[in-house]
């Protein structure tokens, strides 16, 4: 048994606030985004550098704790 498809009229469910049209601070009609997006030309070397430096620091801390525990318990 087949039922005919129900036709619905399209309507806007969510709209940006009225003051959004006057914003010029970036991020589109809803305001600035939570995170900075990469550059338009695809260069995100600064983000890669920061992540790499944080990773190296974390690895150094883990290595230092391992060495400390090794010499403490042997």
N, C-alpha and C. Protein backbone atom coordinates (compact mmCIF):
# COMPACT_ATOMS: atom_id res chain seq x y z
N UNK A 1 0.84 -1.18 0.00
CA UNK A 1 0.00 0.00 0.00
C UNK A 1 0.89 1.24 0.00
N UNK A 2 0.69 2.11 -0.94
CA UNK A 2 1.49 3.32 -1.05
C UNK A 2 0.66 4.54 -0.68
N UNK A 3 1.31 5.42 0.08
CA UNK A 3 0.66 6.66 0.45
C UNK A 3 1.23 7.79 -0.41
N UNK A 4 0.41 8.75 -0.79
CA UNK A 4 0.93 9.86 -1.58
C UNK A 4 1.85 10.75 -0.71
N UNK A 5 2.88 11.31 -1.35
CA UNK A 5 3.81 12.18 -0.61
C UNK A 5 3.09 13.44 -0.17
N UNK A 6 3.38 13.82 1.05
CA UNK A 6 2.75 15.02 1.60
C UNK A 6 3.52 16.25 1.11
N UNK A 7 2.83 17.22 0.60
CA UNK A 7 3.44 18.45 0.13
C UNK A 7 3.45 19.47 1.27
N UNK A 8 4.64 20.04 1.49
CA UNK A 8 4.76 21.07 2.53
C UNK A 8 5.32 22.34 1.91
N UNK A 9 4.86 23.45 2.39
CA UNK A 9 5.40 24.71 1.90
C UNK A 9 6.69 25.02 2.65
N UNK A 10 7.66 25.55 1.94
CA UNK A 10 8.94 25.85 2.57
C UNK A 10 8.82 27.15 3.37
N UNK A 11 9.52 27.16 4.50
CA UNK A 11 9.52 28.35 5.35
C UNK A 11 10.85 28.43 6.08
N UNK A 12 11.21 29.61 6.50
CA UNK A 12 12.46 29.83 7.22
C UNK A 12 12.27 29.42 8.67
N UNK A 13 13.10 28.48 9.12
CA UNK A 13 12.96 27.99 10.48
C UNK A 13 13.77 28.85 11.45
N UNK A 14 15.00 29.16 11.06
CA UNK A 14 15.88 29.96 11.91
C UNK A 14 16.44 31.10 11.08
N UNK A 15 16.45 32.28 11.65
CA UNK A 15 17.01 33.44 10.96
C UNK A 15 17.98 34.15 11.90
N UNK A 16 19.00 34.80 11.36
CA UNK A 16 19.92 35.53 12.22
C UNK A 16 19.22 36.70 12.89
N UNK A 17 19.77 37.16 14.01
CA UNK A 17 19.14 38.29 14.68
C UNK A 17 19.18 39.54 13.80
N UNK A 18 18.28 40.49 14.01
CA UNK A 18 18.21 41.67 13.14
C UNK A 18 19.49 42.50 13.13
N UNK A 19 20.19 42.56 14.26
CA UNK A 19 21.40 43.38 14.31
C UNK A 19 22.56 42.73 13.58
N UNK A 20 22.41 41.49 13.12
CA UNK A 20 23.50 40.79 12.44
C UNK A 20 23.85 41.44 11.11
N UNK A 21 22.92 42.13 10.50
CA UNK A 21 23.20 42.76 9.22
C UNK A 21 24.18 43.91 9.33
N UNK A 22 24.33 44.48 10.50
CA UNK A 22 25.23 45.62 10.67
C UNK A 22 26.61 45.21 11.15
N UNK A 23 26.83 43.93 11.42
CA UNK A 23 28.13 43.48 11.94
C UNK A 23 29.18 43.49 10.84
N UNK A 24 30.37 43.92 11.19
CA UNK A 24 31.47 43.91 10.24
C UNK A 24 32.70 43.22 10.83
N UNK A 25 32.55 42.56 11.97
CA UNK A 25 33.71 41.99 12.67
C UNK A 25 34.04 40.57 12.20
N UNK A 26 33.47 40.08 11.16
CA UNK A 26 33.81 38.77 10.63
C UNK A 26 32.96 37.67 11.21
N UNK A 27 33.07 36.49 10.65
CA UNK A 27 32.33 35.35 11.14
C UNK A 27 30.96 35.19 10.53
N UNK A 28 30.56 36.04 9.63
CA UNK A 28 29.27 35.90 9.00
C UNK A 28 28.17 36.58 9.78
N UNK A 29 26.95 36.24 9.45
CA UNK A 29 25.80 36.91 10.04
C UNK A 29 25.63 36.62 11.52
N UNK A 30 26.18 35.51 11.99
CA UNK A 30 26.01 35.14 13.38
C UNK A 30 27.11 35.69 14.28
N UNK A 31 28.04 36.45 13.74
CA UNK A 31 29.11 37.02 14.55
C UNK A 31 30.39 36.25 14.38
N UNK A 32 31.39 36.58 15.19
CA UNK A 32 32.69 35.92 15.04
C UNK A 32 32.62 34.45 15.41
N UNK A 33 33.46 33.66 14.77
CA UNK A 33 33.50 32.23 15.08
C UNK A 33 34.30 31.99 16.35
N UNK A 34 34.12 30.82 16.94
CA UNK A 34 34.83 30.48 18.17
C UNK A 34 36.31 30.27 17.91
N UNK A 35 36.65 29.71 16.77
CA UNK A 35 38.04 29.41 16.44
C UNK A 35 38.45 30.19 15.21
N UNK A 36 39.70 30.61 15.17
CA UNK A 36 40.22 31.26 13.98
C UNK A 36 40.43 30.22 12.90
N UNK A 37 39.95 30.49 11.72
CA UNK A 37 40.11 29.57 10.62
C UNK A 37 41.46 29.80 9.94
N UNK A 38 41.99 28.83 9.22
CA UNK A 38 43.25 29.03 8.51
C UNK A 38 43.13 30.17 7.50
N UNK A 39 44.26 30.67 7.08
CA UNK A 39 44.27 31.73 6.09
C UNK A 39 43.59 31.27 4.81
N UNK A 40 43.09 32.23 4.04
CA UNK A 40 42.41 31.89 2.79
C UNK A 40 43.34 31.19 1.81
N UNK A 41 44.62 31.50 1.85
CA UNK A 41 45.54 30.89 0.90
C UNK A 41 46.00 29.50 1.35
N UNK A 42 45.47 28.99 2.45
CA UNK A 42 45.78 27.63 2.90
C UNK A 42 47.00 27.54 3.78
N UNK A 43 47.61 28.64 4.12
CA UNK A 43 48.81 28.61 4.95
C UNK A 43 48.41 28.63 6.42
N UNK A 44 48.67 27.54 7.10
CA UNK A 44 48.40 27.49 8.54
C UNK A 44 49.65 27.02 9.27
N UNK A 45 50.80 27.52 8.84
CA UNK A 45 52.07 27.08 9.41
C UNK A 45 52.21 27.49 10.87
N UNK A 46 51.59 28.61 11.25
CA UNK A 46 51.68 29.02 12.65
C UNK A 46 50.96 28.03 13.56
N UNK A 47 49.81 27.55 13.15
CA UNK A 47 49.08 26.56 13.94
C UNK A 47 49.85 25.26 14.03
N UNK A 48 50.47 24.85 12.92
CA UNK A 48 51.27 23.62 12.93
C UNK A 48 52.46 23.76 13.86
N UNK A 49 53.11 24.92 13.84
CA UNK A 49 54.25 25.16 14.71
C UNK A 49 53.86 25.12 16.18
N UNK A 50 52.75 25.72 16.53
CA UNK A 50 52.29 25.73 17.93
C UNK A 50 51.98 24.32 18.39
N UNK A 51 51.27 23.55 17.57
CA UNK A 51 50.92 22.17 17.94
C UNK A 51 52.18 21.33 18.09
N UNK A 52 53.14 21.52 17.19
CA UNK A 52 54.39 20.76 17.27
C UNK A 52 55.17 21.11 18.54
N UNK A 53 55.24 22.38 18.89
CA UNK A 53 55.95 22.78 20.10
C UNK A 53 55.28 22.24 21.36
N UNK A 54 53.97 22.28 21.40
CA UNK A 54 53.26 21.73 22.56
C UNK A 54 53.51 20.22 22.65
N UNK A 55 53.51 19.53 21.53
CA UNK A 55 53.78 18.09 21.53
C UNK A 55 55.17 17.78 22.03
N UNK A 56 56.16 18.56 21.59
CA UNK A 56 57.54 18.34 22.05
C UNK A 56 57.65 18.57 23.55
N UNK A 57 57.02 19.61 24.05
CA UNK A 57 57.07 19.90 25.50
C UNK A 57 56.43 18.76 26.28
N UNK A 58 55.30 18.26 25.82
CA UNK A 58 54.63 17.15 26.52
C UNK A 58 55.52 15.91 26.51
N UNK A 59 56.15 15.61 25.38
CA UNK A 59 57.04 14.46 25.31
C UNK A 59 58.24 14.62 26.23
N UNK A 60 58.79 15.82 26.31
CA UNK A 60 59.91 16.06 27.22
C UNK A 60 59.51 15.88 28.68
N UNK A 61 58.34 16.32 29.03
CA UNK A 61 57.86 16.15 30.41
C UNK A 61 57.68 14.67 30.72
N UNK A 62 57.10 13.91 29.78
CA UNK A 62 56.92 12.47 30.00
C UNK A 62 58.27 11.78 30.14
N UNK A 63 59.22 12.14 29.29
CA UNK A 63 60.55 11.53 29.36
C UNK A 63 61.24 11.87 30.68
N UNK A 64 61.10 13.11 31.13
CA UNK A 64 61.72 13.51 32.40
C UNK A 64 61.11 12.76 33.57
N UNK A 65 59.81 12.58 33.57
CA UNK A 65 59.15 11.83 34.64
C UNK A 65 59.57 10.36 34.61
N UNK A 66 59.72 9.80 33.41
CA UNK A 66 60.14 8.41 33.30
C UNK A 66 61.56 8.24 33.83
N UNK A 67 62.47 9.16 33.47
CA UNK A 67 63.85 9.09 33.96
C UNK A 67 63.89 9.24 35.47
N UNK A 68 63.10 10.17 35.99
CA UNK A 68 63.05 10.37 37.44
C UNK A 68 62.55 9.10 38.15
N UNK A 69 61.51 8.50 37.64
CA UNK A 69 60.98 7.28 38.25
C UNK A 69 61.99 6.13 38.12
N UNK A 70 62.70 6.05 37.00
CA UNK A 70 63.67 4.98 36.78
C UNK A 70 64.81 5.06 37.82
N UNK A 71 65.34 6.25 38.00
CA UNK A 71 66.45 6.39 38.94
C UNK A 71 65.99 6.37 40.39
N UNK A 72 64.74 6.68 40.63
CA UNK A 72 64.21 6.68 42.00
C UNK A 72 63.99 5.25 42.49
N UNK A 73 63.55 4.37 41.61
CA UNK A 73 63.18 3.02 42.05
C UNK A 73 64.22 1.96 41.70
N UNK A 74 65.38 2.34 41.17
CA UNK A 74 66.42 1.34 40.90
C UNK A 74 67.68 1.65 41.68
